Protein backbone atom coordinates (compact mmCIF):
# COMPACT_ATOMS: atom_id res chain seq x y z
CA MET A 1 -8.59 -11.28 24.12
CA THR A 2 -12.01 -12.30 22.48
CA LEU A 3 -14.92 -10.40 24.08
CA LEU A 4 -18.36 -11.90 23.52
CA THR A 5 -21.76 -10.62 24.81
CA ASP A 6 -24.29 -12.87 26.19
CA ALA A 7 -28.15 -12.96 25.31
CA ARG A 8 -28.44 -9.89 27.64
CA GLY A 9 -25.68 -7.85 25.95
CA HIS A 10 -23.23 -8.28 29.02
CA LEU A 11 -19.70 -8.75 27.96
CA THR A 12 -17.75 -11.71 28.77
CA GLU A 13 -14.11 -11.58 28.37
CA HIS A 14 -12.71 -14.69 26.70
CA SER A 15 -7.58 -12.11 21.41
CA ASP A 16 -8.54 -8.79 19.94
CA ILE A 17 -12.03 -9.80 18.69
CA LEU A 18 -15.15 -8.43 20.12
CA GLU A 19 -18.56 -9.66 19.13
CA VAL A 20 -21.76 -7.62 19.87
CA SER A 21 -25.20 -8.87 18.72
CA GLY A 22 -23.74 -11.08 16.26
CA VAL A 23 -21.32 -8.46 14.60
CA ARG A 24 -17.82 -9.00 14.99
CA TYR A 25 -15.14 -6.49 15.60
CA LEU A 26 -11.49 -5.99 15.88
CA ILE A 27 -10.35 -3.68 18.73
CA GLU A 28 -7.21 -1.63 18.59
CA HIS A 29 -5.69 0.60 21.50
CA VAL A 30 -6.03 4.12 20.96
CA VAL A 31 -2.90 6.45 21.65
CA SER A 32 -4.29 9.50 23.47
CA GLY A 33 -4.10 11.54 26.46
CA GLU A 34 -4.91 10.86 30.08
CA LEU A 35 -8.47 9.67 30.22
CA PRO A 36 -9.70 8.85 33.75
CA PHE A 37 -12.03 6.27 33.09
CA LYS A 38 -14.36 4.65 35.56
CA GLY A 39 -13.92 1.01 36.43
CA ALA A 40 -11.70 -1.79 34.91
CA GLY A 41 -14.30 -2.59 32.13
CA PRO A 42 -14.69 -4.20 29.72
CA VAL A 43 -17.39 -1.58 28.83
CA LEU A 44 -18.98 -0.67 25.56
CA ALA A 45 -18.62 3.06 24.85
CA THR A 46 -19.47 5.73 22.31
CA VAL A 47 -17.53 9.09 21.87
CA ILE A 48 -20.16 11.67 20.76
CA ASP A 49 -18.89 15.04 19.56
CA ILE A 50 -20.66 18.01 21.29
CA ASN A 51 -18.52 20.85 19.87
CA GLU A 52 -21.52 22.85 18.50
CA CYS A 53 -23.98 21.88 21.28
CA HIS A 54 -23.97 23.90 24.56
CA HIS A 55 -27.12 22.24 26.16
CA ILE A 56 -27.59 18.58 25.64
CA THR A 57 -31.20 17.46 25.65
CA ALA A 58 -32.95 14.33 25.26
CA GLU A 59 -33.95 15.23 21.75
CA TRP A 60 -30.51 15.98 20.78
CA ILE A 61 -29.39 12.76 22.03
CA GLN A 62 -32.00 10.88 20.20
CA ASN A 63 -31.34 12.71 16.89
CA CYS A 64 -27.46 12.03 17.41
CA ILE A 65 -28.12 8.27 17.70
CA GLU A 66 -30.31 8.22 14.80
CA ARG A 67 -27.81 10.08 12.65
CA TYR A 68 -24.95 7.78 13.91
CA SER A 69 -27.11 4.63 13.15
CA GLN A 70 -27.89 5.88 9.64
CA ILE A 71 -24.34 6.82 8.55
CA ASP A 72 -22.16 4.37 10.25
CA ASP A 73 -22.18 0.57 10.16
CA VAL A 74 -19.67 0.17 13.09
CA PHE A 75 -21.95 1.85 15.67
CA GLN A 76 -24.87 0.37 17.36
CA VAL A 77 -26.90 1.27 20.44
CA LYS A 78 -25.31 -1.39 22.59
CA PHE A 79 -22.25 0.73 22.54
CA LEU A 80 -24.04 3.32 24.61
CA GLU A 81 -23.22 1.50 27.78
CA ALA A 82 -20.72 4.54 28.28
CA ILE A 83 -20.69 7.77 26.61
CA LEU A 84 -17.57 10.06 26.26
CA PHE A 85 -18.43 13.48 25.19
CA ARG A 86 -15.76 15.34 23.12
CA GLY A 87 -15.26 18.69 21.99
CA ALA A 88 -16.28 20.69 25.12
CA SER A 89 -15.73 20.23 28.95
CA GLN A 90 -18.45 19.76 31.44
CA GLY A 91 -18.04 23.55 32.54
CA GLN A 92 -18.90 24.42 28.82
CA CYS A 93 -21.68 22.27 28.18
CA SER A 94 -24.67 21.00 30.26
CA LEU A 95 -26.42 17.85 30.37
CA SER A 96 -30.23 18.11 30.93
CA LEU A 97 -32.23 16.04 33.41
CA ASP A 98 -34.37 14.64 30.47
CA ALA A 99 -31.12 13.84 28.55
CA GLN A 100 -29.90 11.84 31.65
CA LYS A 101 -33.09 9.73 32.01
CA HIS A 102 -33.03 9.11 28.17
CA LEU A 103 -29.61 7.85 28.27
CA GLU A 104 -30.56 5.69 31.43
CA SER A 105 -33.35 4.07 29.18
CA LEU A 106 -30.99 3.39 26.73
CA GLY A 107 -28.78 1.33 28.91
CA THR A 108 -26.08 4.06 29.51
CA ARG A 109 -24.40 3.39 33.04
CA TRP A 110 -22.34 6.56 32.93
CA HIS A 111 -20.95 9.47 30.85
CA GLN A 112 -18.10 11.57 31.09
CA PHE A 113 -16.66 14.91 29.38
CA LEU A 114 -13.29 14.68 28.07
CA ASN A 115 -10.99 17.55 29.34
CA ASP A 116 -7.88 16.82 27.21
CA GLU A 117 -6.61 19.09 24.22
CA LEU A 118 -9.23 18.67 21.35
CA ASP A 119 -6.47 17.01 19.10
CA LYS A 120 -5.69 14.43 21.61
CA GLN A 121 -9.40 13.37 22.17
CA PRO A 122 -10.54 10.31 20.06
CA LEU A 123 -12.89 10.50 17.26
CA PRO A 124 -16.55 9.95 17.42
CA GLY A 125 -17.56 6.32 17.16
CA ALA A 126 -17.71 3.06 18.94
CA TYR A 127 -15.12 1.96 21.54
CA VAL A 128 -14.44 -0.39 24.36
CA ILE A 129 -13.05 0.44 27.77
CA LEU A 130 -10.84 -2.34 29.27
CA ASP A 131 -8.62 -2.02 32.11
CA GLY A 132 -8.66 1.66 32.09
CA GLY A 133 -7.61 1.78 28.54
CA LEU A 134 -9.71 2.84 25.37
CA TYR A 135 -9.92 0.52 22.38
CA GLU A 136 -11.33 1.51 19.06
CA ALA A 137 -13.73 -0.78 17.36
CA PHE A 138 -13.40 -1.75 13.73
CA ARG A 139 -16.01 -3.82 12.05
CA LEU A 140 -14.92 -7.11 10.39
CA TYR A 141 -16.40 -7.99 6.99
CA ALA A 142 -15.72 -11.25 4.99
CA ASP A 143 -14.37 -10.65 1.71
CA THR A 144 -16.82 -12.76 -0.14
CA HIS A 145 -15.79 -11.60 -3.82
CA ALA A 146 -12.21 -12.56 -3.16
CA ALA A 147 -11.52 -8.92 -4.12
CA PHE A 148 -8.66 -8.16 -1.47
CA PHE A 149 -5.16 -9.81 -1.26
CA GLN A 150 -4.55 -8.89 2.28
CA ALA A 151 -6.11 -6.81 4.85
CA THR A 152 -4.14 -4.17 6.69
CA ARG A 153 -5.52 -5.04 10.13
CA VAL A 154 -5.50 -8.73 10.87
CA PRO A 155 -7.10 -10.09 14.09
CA ARG A 156 -4.46 -12.45 15.90
CA LEU A 157 -7.17 -15.10 16.27
CA LEU A 158 -10.25 -15.47 14.12
CA ASP A 159 -12.25 -18.67 13.50
CA THR A 160 -12.81 -18.88 9.63
CA SER A 161 -14.43 -22.38 9.86
CA ASP A 162 -17.87 -21.14 9.25
CA ASP A 163 -19.36 -18.01 7.68
CA ASN A 164 -15.95 -16.56 6.62
CA LEU A 165 -14.98 -19.97 4.74
CA GLY A 166 -10.93 -18.87 5.02
CA GLN A 167 -11.61 -15.59 2.93
CA VAL A 168 -9.69 -12.52 3.88
CA VAL A 169 -11.56 -10.75 6.59
CA VAL A 170 -11.30 -6.75 6.38
CA ALA A 171 -11.53 -4.43 9.53
CA VAL A 172 -13.20 -1.04 8.68
CA PRO A 173 -13.02 2.02 10.74
CA SER A 174 -16.30 4.01 11.96
CA ARG A 175 -17.37 6.42 9.37
CA LEU A 176 -18.06 9.03 12.00
CA GLY A 177 -15.54 11.87 12.60
CA SER A 178 -14.67 12.81 8.96
CA HIS A 179 -16.01 16.09 9.36
CA ILE A 180 -14.08 17.14 12.52
CA SER A 181 -12.55 20.56 11.45
CA HIS A 182 -9.11 19.98 13.36
CA LYS A 183 -8.37 16.46 11.87
CA PRO A 184 -7.15 15.77 8.28
CA PRO A 185 -10.11 16.13 5.80
CA LEU A 186 -10.21 12.61 4.83
CA SER A 187 -10.06 10.94 8.07
CA ARG A 188 -11.71 7.61 8.34
CA ILE A 189 -12.35 7.27 4.63
CA ARG A 190 -12.08 3.75 3.66
CA VAL A 191 -9.64 2.98 0.90
CA GLY A 192 -8.63 -0.32 -0.75
CA VAL A 193 -5.39 -0.09 -2.63
CA LYS A 194 -4.21 -2.23 -5.61
CA ASP A 195 -1.29 -4.62 -4.57
CA ASN A 196 1.21 -2.77 -6.84
CA PHE A 197 1.51 0.34 -4.58
CA ASP A 198 3.76 -0.02 -1.72
CA LEU A 199 2.41 0.41 1.68
CA GLU A 200 4.56 0.91 4.80
CA GLY A 201 4.42 -2.38 6.90
CA THR A 202 3.16 -4.69 4.23
CA LYS A 203 4.47 -6.72 1.61
CA THR A 204 3.75 -5.92 -2.19
CA SER A 205 2.62 -9.04 -3.92
CA LEU A 206 1.73 -7.90 -7.43
CA CYS A 207 -0.25 -11.06 -7.16
CA SER A 208 2.92 -13.23 -7.67
CA ARG A 209 3.81 -15.81 -5.20
CA SER A 210 7.50 -15.44 -6.26
CA TYR A 211 7.53 -11.65 -5.95
CA LEU A 212 5.83 -11.91 -2.70
CA GLN A 213 8.42 -14.51 -1.43
CA LEU A 214 11.51 -12.53 -2.42
CA TYR A 215 10.87 -9.02 -1.17
CA PRO A 216 10.42 -7.95 2.53
CA ARG A 217 7.88 -5.64 3.98
CA LYS A 218 8.13 -2.04 2.81
CA GLY A 219 9.85 0.62 4.97
CA LYS A 220 7.63 3.28 3.35
CA SER A 221 4.54 4.00 1.34
CA ALA A 222 4.60 5.14 -2.25
CA PRO A 223 4.57 8.76 -2.50
CA CYS A 224 1.09 8.99 -4.16
CA LEU A 225 -0.33 6.83 -1.30
CA GLN A 226 1.67 8.61 1.30
CA ARG A 227 -0.31 11.82 0.19
CA LEU A 228 -3.60 10.10 0.71
CA LEU A 229 -2.47 8.90 4.14
CA ASP A 230 -1.41 12.49 5.15
CA LEU A 231 -4.88 13.50 4.43
CA GLY A 232 -6.18 11.01 6.86
CA VAL A 233 -7.34 8.02 4.75
CA SER A 234 -7.85 4.68 6.16
CA VAL A 235 -6.20 1.83 3.99
CA ILE A 236 -8.23 -1.05 4.80
CA GLY A 237 -6.25 -3.54 2.55
CA LYS A 238 -4.38 -4.39 -0.64
CA THR A 239 -6.73 -5.36 -3.40
CA LYS A 240 -5.88 -8.25 -5.98
CA LEU A 241 -4.61 -7.55 -9.46
CA CYS A 242 -3.69 -9.70 -12.46
CA ALA A 243 0.00 -11.09 -12.01
CA PHE A 244 2.45 -8.37 -12.77
CA ALA A 245 -0.51 -6.20 -14.04
CA GLN A 246 -0.65 -8.06 -17.24
CA TRP A 247 -3.89 -8.66 -19.01
CA GLU A 248 -5.04 -11.85 -17.22
CA GLU A 249 -8.49 -13.70 -17.75
CA PRO A 250 -9.85 -15.67 -14.62
CA THR A 251 -8.90 -19.04 -16.29
CA GLU A 252 -5.21 -17.73 -16.43
CA ALA A 253 -5.16 -16.71 -12.76
CA ILE A 254 -2.92 -19.78 -11.62
CA GLU A 255 -1.51 -18.67 -8.24
CA TYR A 256 -4.50 -16.60 -6.82
CA THR A 257 -8.38 -16.78 -7.61
CA SER A 258 -9.52 -13.95 -9.70
CA PRO A 259 -12.00 -11.78 -8.01
CA TRP A 260 -15.58 -12.52 -8.46
CA SER A 261 -17.69 -9.96 -10.42
CA PRO A 262 -20.79 -8.85 -8.56
CA ARG A 263 -22.43 -8.23 -11.98
CA ALA A 264 -25.41 -10.59 -13.25
CA ASP A 265 -25.22 -13.91 -12.03
CA GLY A 266 -21.80 -13.48 -10.52
CA PHE A 267 -19.91 -15.50 -13.05
CA GLN A 268 -18.61 -12.71 -15.51
CA SER A 269 -15.12 -12.00 -16.06
CA SER A 270 -13.60 -9.50 -13.78
CA GLY A 271 -11.83 -7.69 -16.45
CA GLY A 272 -8.20 -5.83 -16.47
CA SER A 273 -5.48 -5.83 -14.11
CA SER A 274 -7.28 -3.44 -11.57
CA ASN A 275 -10.04 -6.28 -11.26
CA GLY A 276 -9.77 -6.55 -7.42
CA SER A 277 -10.17 -2.81 -6.85
CA GLY A 278 -13.16 -2.76 -9.20
CA ALA A 279 -14.82 -5.71 -7.63
CA ALA A 280 -14.47 -4.43 -4.09
CA VAL A 281 -15.99 -0.99 -4.71
CA ALA A 282 -18.90 -2.44 -6.86
CA ALA A 283 -19.66 -5.47 -4.47
CA TYR A 284 -19.16 -3.80 -0.97
CA ASP A 285 -20.87 -1.01 0.49
CA TRP A 286 -18.33 -0.86 3.26
CA VAL A 287 -15.78 0.18 0.95
CA ASP A 288 -15.75 3.99 0.20
CA ILE A 289 -13.03 4.30 -2.43
CA THR A 290 -10.49 2.00 -4.29
CA ILE A 291 -7.28 2.89 -6.10
CA GLY A 292 -6.11 1.27 -9.24
CA SER A 293 -3.32 1.91 -11.69
CA ASP A 294 -3.66 2.41 -15.61
CA SER A 295 -0.95 1.96 -17.90
CA THR A 296 -2.97 1.26 -20.95
CA TRP A 297 -6.72 -0.15 -20.44
CA THR A 298 -6.81 -1.89 -17.22
CA LEU A 299 -8.89 0.69 -15.15
CA GLN A 300 -11.60 0.87 -17.95
CA LEU A 301 -11.92 -2.85 -18.54
CA SER A 302 -11.80 -3.46 -14.73
CA TRP A 303 -14.57 -1.03 -13.88
CA ALA A 304 -16.53 -2.15 -16.99
CA ALA A 305 -16.28 -5.82 -16.32
CA THR A 306 -16.82 -6.06 -12.79
CA LEU A 307 -19.15 -3.02 -11.75
CA SER A 308 -22.69 -2.47 -11.80
CA CYS A 309 -22.71 1.01 -10.37
CA VAL A 310 -19.29 2.75 -10.77
CA VAL A 311 -17.72 6.07 -12.39
CA THR A 312 -13.85 6.18 -12.79
CA LEU A 313 -11.89 9.38 -13.37
CA LEU A 314 -8.26 8.81 -14.88
CA PRO A 315 -5.83 9.69 -13.62
CA PRO A 316 -5.28 8.74 -10.80
CA GLY A 317 -7.94 5.93 -10.97
CA THR A 318 -10.19 6.59 -7.98
CA ALA A 319 -13.66 4.79 -8.28
CA ILE A 320 -16.92 6.67 -7.14
CA LYS A 321 -20.11 5.16 -6.74
CA TYR A 322 -22.76 6.02 -9.23
CA GLN A 323 -26.26 4.85 -8.27
CA SER A 324 -27.77 3.11 -11.22
CA HIS A 325 -27.77 -0.08 -13.06
CA PRO A 326 -25.60 0.29 -16.11
CA ARG A 327 -24.46 -2.22 -18.67
CA LEU A 328 -22.98 -0.11 -21.49
CA TYR A 329 -20.00 1.97 -20.51
CA LEU A 330 -18.81 5.03 -22.42
CA SER A 331 -15.65 6.87 -22.18
CA ILE A 332 -15.27 10.72 -22.31
CA ILE A 333 -11.96 12.15 -23.24
CA TYR A 334 -11.29 15.81 -22.59
CA THR A 335 -8.81 18.39 -22.79
CA SER A 336 -5.71 17.82 -21.12
CA ASN A 337 -5.12 21.53 -20.39
CA PRO A 338 -4.67 21.60 -16.70
CA ALA A 339 -6.51 24.95 -16.20
CA PRO A 340 -10.07 24.45 -14.42
CA VAL A 341 -12.73 24.12 -16.92
CA THR A 342 -16.43 24.74 -16.29
CA SER A 343 -19.34 22.96 -18.26
CA SER A 344 -19.88 26.56 -19.96
CA GLN A 345 -16.38 26.32 -21.22
CA PHE A 346 -16.51 23.14 -23.20
CA SER A 347 -16.68 23.79 -26.81
CA ALA A 348 -18.32 20.59 -28.42
CA VAL A 349 -19.33 17.06 -28.22
CA LEU A 350 -17.31 15.03 -30.69
CA TRP A 351 -18.23 11.47 -32.08
CA PRO A 352 -15.63 9.66 -33.60
CA THR A 353 -17.35 7.35 -36.19
CA ASP A 354 -14.46 4.92 -36.86
CA TYR A 355 -14.45 3.89 -33.38
CA TRP A 356 -18.35 3.70 -33.01
CA ASN A 357 -18.69 1.62 -36.13
CA LEU A 358 -17.04 -1.21 -34.57
CA VAL A 359 -19.91 -1.44 -31.95
CA ASP A 360 -23.17 -3.11 -32.72
CA LEU A 361 -26.34 -0.86 -33.72
CA PRO A 362 -28.32 -1.30 -30.38
CA GLN A 363 -25.40 -0.18 -28.24
CA ARG A 364 -24.51 2.38 -30.77
CA THR A 365 -28.13 3.79 -30.82
CA ILE A 366 -27.99 4.13 -26.89
CA ALA A 367 -24.64 5.86 -26.88
CA THR A 368 -25.91 8.22 -29.52
CA ASN A 369 -28.80 9.34 -27.83
CA PHE A 370 -26.54 9.70 -24.66
CA ALA A 371 -24.13 12.07 -26.52
CA HIS A 372 -26.85 14.23 -27.92
CA GLU A 373 -28.30 14.47 -24.38
CA ILE A 374 -24.89 15.69 -23.20
CA ALA A 375 -24.65 18.23 -26.01
CA SER A 376 -28.17 19.37 -25.23
CA PHE A 377 -27.67 19.72 -21.67
CA LEU A 378 -24.40 21.64 -22.01
CA LYS A 379 -25.83 23.63 -25.03
CA LEU A 380 -22.88 22.49 -27.15
CA PRO A 381 -22.73 21.58 -30.79
CA TYR A 382 -22.52 17.85 -31.89
CA ARG A 383 -20.16 16.93 -34.44
CA GLU A 384 -19.14 13.55 -36.09
CA TYR A 385 -15.71 12.95 -37.66
CA SER A 386 -13.54 10.01 -38.68
CA MET A 387 -10.09 10.22 -36.79
CA LYS A 388 -8.57 8.14 -39.71
CA GLU A 389 -9.69 10.33 -42.36
CA VAL A 390 -8.45 13.41 -40.41
CA TRP A 391 -4.97 11.88 -40.32
CA GLN A 392 -5.28 11.05 -44.05
CA SER A 393 -6.10 14.54 -44.84
CA HIS A 394 -3.75 16.12 -42.30
CA PRO A 395 -1.00 13.64 -41.37
CA PRO A 396 1.90 14.57 -39.30
CA GLU A 397 5.08 15.15 -41.54
CA ASP A 398 6.65 12.05 -39.96
CA ALA A 399 3.93 9.70 -41.11
CA GLY A 400 4.62 10.25 -44.86
CA ASP A 401 2.07 8.19 -46.83
CA GLN A 402 1.21 5.71 -43.95
CA SER A 403 -2.04 5.46 -42.63
CA LEU A 404 -2.90 5.79 -38.98
CA ASP A 405 -3.01 1.91 -38.24
CA GLU A 406 0.28 1.51 -40.18
CA TYR A 407 2.00 4.18 -38.47
CA MET A 408 0.75 3.38 -34.90
CA LEU A 409 1.17 -0.60 -35.16
CA LYS A 410 4.69 -0.50 -34.38
CA ALA A 411 4.03 1.62 -31.27
CA SER A 412 0.92 -0.23 -29.71
CA ALA A 413 0.48 -3.61 -30.89
CA ALA A 414 -0.21 -6.01 -27.91
CA PRO A 415 2.77 -8.26 -27.36
CA SER A 416 1.13 -11.65 -27.71
CA MET A 417 -0.27 -10.45 -31.15
CA PHE A 418 2.26 -8.93 -33.47
CA ALA A 419 6.03 -9.01 -33.95
CA THR A 420 5.82 -5.21 -34.13
CA LYS A 421 5.39 -4.59 -30.33
CA ASP A 422 8.33 -2.43 -29.42
CA MET A 423 6.42 -0.11 -26.97
CA TRP A 424 6.36 -3.06 -24.67
CA TYR A 425 10.18 -3.18 -24.02
CA ASP A 426 9.94 -1.74 -20.57
CA ASP A 427 7.22 -4.28 -19.65
CA TYR A 428 10.04 -7.00 -19.41
CA HIS A 429 13.06 -4.90 -18.36
CA ALA A 430 11.19 -3.37 -15.37
CA PHE A 431 11.69 -6.68 -13.78
CA ASP A 432 15.29 -7.43 -14.49
CA GLU A 433 16.42 -6.94 -11.04
CA PHE A 434 13.62 -9.07 -9.75
CA ARG A 435 14.46 -12.08 -11.97
CA GLU A 436 18.14 -11.63 -11.08
CA LEU A 437 17.73 -11.52 -7.39
CA TYR A 438 15.21 -14.47 -7.37
CA TRP A 439 17.57 -16.78 -9.26
CA ALA A 440 20.66 -15.53 -7.03
CA LYS A 441 18.63 -16.48 -3.96
CA TYR A 442 16.56 -19.72 -4.92
CA LYS A 443 18.61 -21.10 -7.75
CA LYS A 444 15.48 -21.20 -10.13
CA ALA A 445 13.56 -18.95 -12.18
CA PRO A 446 10.30 -17.42 -10.75
CA TYR A 447 6.97 -18.96 -11.72
CA LEU A 448 4.94 -16.76 -14.27
CA THR A 449 1.37 -17.22 -15.21
CA PRO A 450 0.72 -17.82 -18.92
CA PRO A 451 0.13 -14.13 -19.79
CA THR A 452 3.03 -12.81 -18.02
CA ARG A 453 5.23 -15.66 -19.46
CA ALA A 454 3.92 -15.15 -23.20
CA ALA A 455 4.34 -11.26 -22.76
CA TRP A 456 7.84 -11.51 -21.38
CA SER A 457 8.98 -14.06 -23.85
CA SER A 458 7.72 -11.86 -26.57
CA CYS A 459 9.25 -8.64 -25.32
CA LYS A 460 12.76 -10.06 -24.34
CA SER A 461 14.02 -9.70 -27.73
CA ILE A 462 13.09 -6.05 -28.25
CA PRO A 463 16.33 -3.81 -28.79
CA LEU A 464 16.23 -0.51 -26.80
CA SER A 465 16.48 1.32 -30.16
CA ASP A 466 13.24 -0.07 -31.37
CA ARG A 467 11.44 0.82 -27.98
CA ASP A 468 12.84 4.43 -28.40
CA GLU A 469 11.28 4.58 -31.90
CA ALA A 470 7.87 3.36 -30.67
CA ALA A 471 7.82 6.00 -27.92
CA ARG A 472 8.86 8.64 -30.41
CA ARG A 473 5.93 7.62 -32.59
CA VAL A 474 3.56 7.83 -29.59
CA GLN A 475 4.79 11.36 -28.82
CA VAL A 476 4.18 12.20 -32.67
CA PHE A 477 0.60 10.94 -32.50
CA ARG A 478 0.06 12.71 -29.01
CA SER A 479 1.18 16.02 -30.52
CA TRP A 480 -0.94 15.62 -33.76
CA PHE A 481 -3.85 14.72 -31.68
CA GLN A 482 -3.72 17.54 -29.32
CA ALA A 483 -3.10 20.12 -31.89
CA LEU A 484 -6.13 19.00 -33.89
CA PHE A 485 -8.54 18.14 -31.11
CA PHE A 486 -7.45 19.99 -28.15
CA THR A 487 -6.26 23.43 -29.24
CA GLU A 488 -7.82 26.77 -27.93
CA ASP A 489 -11.22 24.84 -27.13
CA HIS A 490 -12.25 22.07 -24.87
CA PRO A 491 -14.11 19.60 -26.56
CA LEU A 492 -15.75 16.33 -25.01
CA ARG A 493 -14.87 13.38 -27.11
CA VAL A 494 -17.41 10.32 -26.59
CA MET A 495 -15.78 6.91 -27.04
CA PRO A 496 -16.77 3.27 -26.65
CA ILE A 497 -15.05 1.15 -24.00
CA GLU A 498 -15.53 -2.00 -26.17
CA ASN A 499 -18.43 -3.83 -27.89
CA VAL A 500 -19.97 -4.76 -24.49
CA GLY A 501 -21.54 -8.25 -24.29
CA THR A 502 -21.73 -11.25 -21.87
CA ARG A 503 -18.35 -12.34 -21.14
CA TYR A 504 -18.05 -15.40 -18.61
CA ARG A 505 -14.90 -16.11 -16.59
CA ASP A 506 -14.03 -18.92 -19.02
CA GLU A 507 -14.32 -16.78 -22.15
CA PRO A 508 -11.00 -14.78 -22.61
CA PRO A 509 -11.40 -11.84 -25.20
CA GLU A 510 -9.20 -11.02 -27.94
CA PRO A 511 -6.50 -8.24 -26.84
CA PRO A 512 -7.08 -4.84 -28.27
CA THR A 513 -4.53 -3.80 -30.93
CA GLY A 514 -3.63 -0.59 -32.90
CA VAL A 515 -4.95 2.81 -31.69
CA HIS A 516 -7.49 1.05 -29.70
CA ALA A 517 -10.23 3.09 -27.78
CA LEU A 518 -8.86 1.73 -24.54
CA LEU A 519 -5.34 3.06 -25.45
CA LEU A 520 -6.41 6.50 -26.70
CA SER A 521 -6.34 8.48 -23.48
CA ALA A 522 -2.83 7.18 -22.33
CA PHE A 523 -1.63 7.83 -25.92
CA ALA A 524 -2.94 11.33 -26.22
CA SER A 525 -2.16 12.33 -22.60
CA ALA A 526 -5.67 13.36 -22.07
CA PRO A 527 -7.69 12.95 -18.91
CA GLU A 528 -10.57 10.43 -19.27
CA LEU A 529 -14.04 9.89 -17.56
CA VAL A 530 -15.60 6.36 -17.63
CA LEU A 531 -19.26 6.00 -16.98
CA PRO A 532 -22.43 3.76 -17.51
CA SER A 533 -25.28 4.65 -19.70
CA GLN A 534 -27.47 1.71 -20.01
CA TYR A 535 -28.31 -1.49 -18.19
CA ASN A 536 -28.89 -4.83 -20.15
CA ARG A 537 -29.94 -7.96 -18.25
CA ASP A 538 -27.35 -10.64 -19.03
CA ARG A 539 -28.04 -14.11 -19.59
CA ASP A 540 -27.18 -16.92 -17.30
CA ARG A 541 -25.52 -20.22 -17.47
CA GLY A 542 -27.95 -21.93 -14.95
CA LEU A 543 -30.02 -24.97 -16.01
CA VAL A 544 -33.72 -25.12 -14.87
């Protein structure tokens, strides 16, 4: 059914789409206990929680409406045509005469106290009553920055000929009810998930048409995602990524349009393989959290390239909004000791000169001041050092006379840049089954975008013995790094993400090589915090 309201706000039945005052909703039947609704409907309704109120007054009602309007973009006053009070029966709570008159002035036709067991009662928020059934309302948003590959709730019929322009339309739940004590702690938290995580009932695409074509819908969710679902999150959609999670600039995104960065003039590169997750949480106030994945540098680049207000914590790659207008991004790598560490337990702020010397002076000056502020605020010593010099004076026995770059080149060189790229063996062989099954079913090779084709062609000839040697060297580096920098103390190591500058969608950068700043967290097995420190206004390419 499509439900529309006329100029006076009256519903006219006409799929599963609801439009109220120009705002579109998807409605979904709620599985609940027996709820003796009045009338056949359709009626716009609001469920209000009264668990902590024993006498409902007009003032309490008005405060509740103002609170709902402030924190929830799904709710609007027109949903007060009927009110369902949850959390207490009519015998436990009373509705004052002035409250009843106030509700009448708001257009409320009737109210009802729900008597079911508390865990069977619907959460607070906007609903529709139709033919004696209760339907939850999800607000529909157009994915204007092309950040999502698919939405998890899809209306059966939706006209995309006008304002949506054929974009993915994402349905989001009410933000009300996340505080309800008997419900999971993350109830109704809106989460976008990178489309390399399996989600029950959906296909996993890896942003490859061939991969999407070959595999059916998933019968269960990835364990890490299932943990979040068990905590109550609402997965609103699967976000885009670079095909097969390779480094892929927008000009190389052949099969699906790369997400649009909300930064500057909107034509900046969208960064690493978690670009959809980065763009979504940066561009949309209606997204709470996005999940990305990080094998080397994808999250740092995705957040730094697409976001104007984001902090990321690695692992597991959950972006949290940071209210400022940053442009220069820093990375703080701290102890890998899993024991809780408070600010008073950190030992020092470390400044690796050989990484920062690669950054231009204005950015380096800003970052230096920021690092000194951290040290001053936490009352910690500030120390500069060269990791290459420390390696030279205290190398691991396995390195012999090799410099740090010489020793690690075989382990970490980017596959499209060097012959010594043995760490990337698994990048190719992880998809052996995919290539075999696709050929068996379609009698042709799957299409690969240029970065994936170049990487797999380069990695195909790597023998397993060389890969094992590369992995061993990474472990040697990890042990050396942790022994020298993460011993009995807990230092904060301040790193640059990259030499930041304007990078448009048609300007691919050079891939990082060696023990790049973006690789250090993964190689050292150390947690990482990525945060902004400064905003610089980007130039644009418009002509006046």
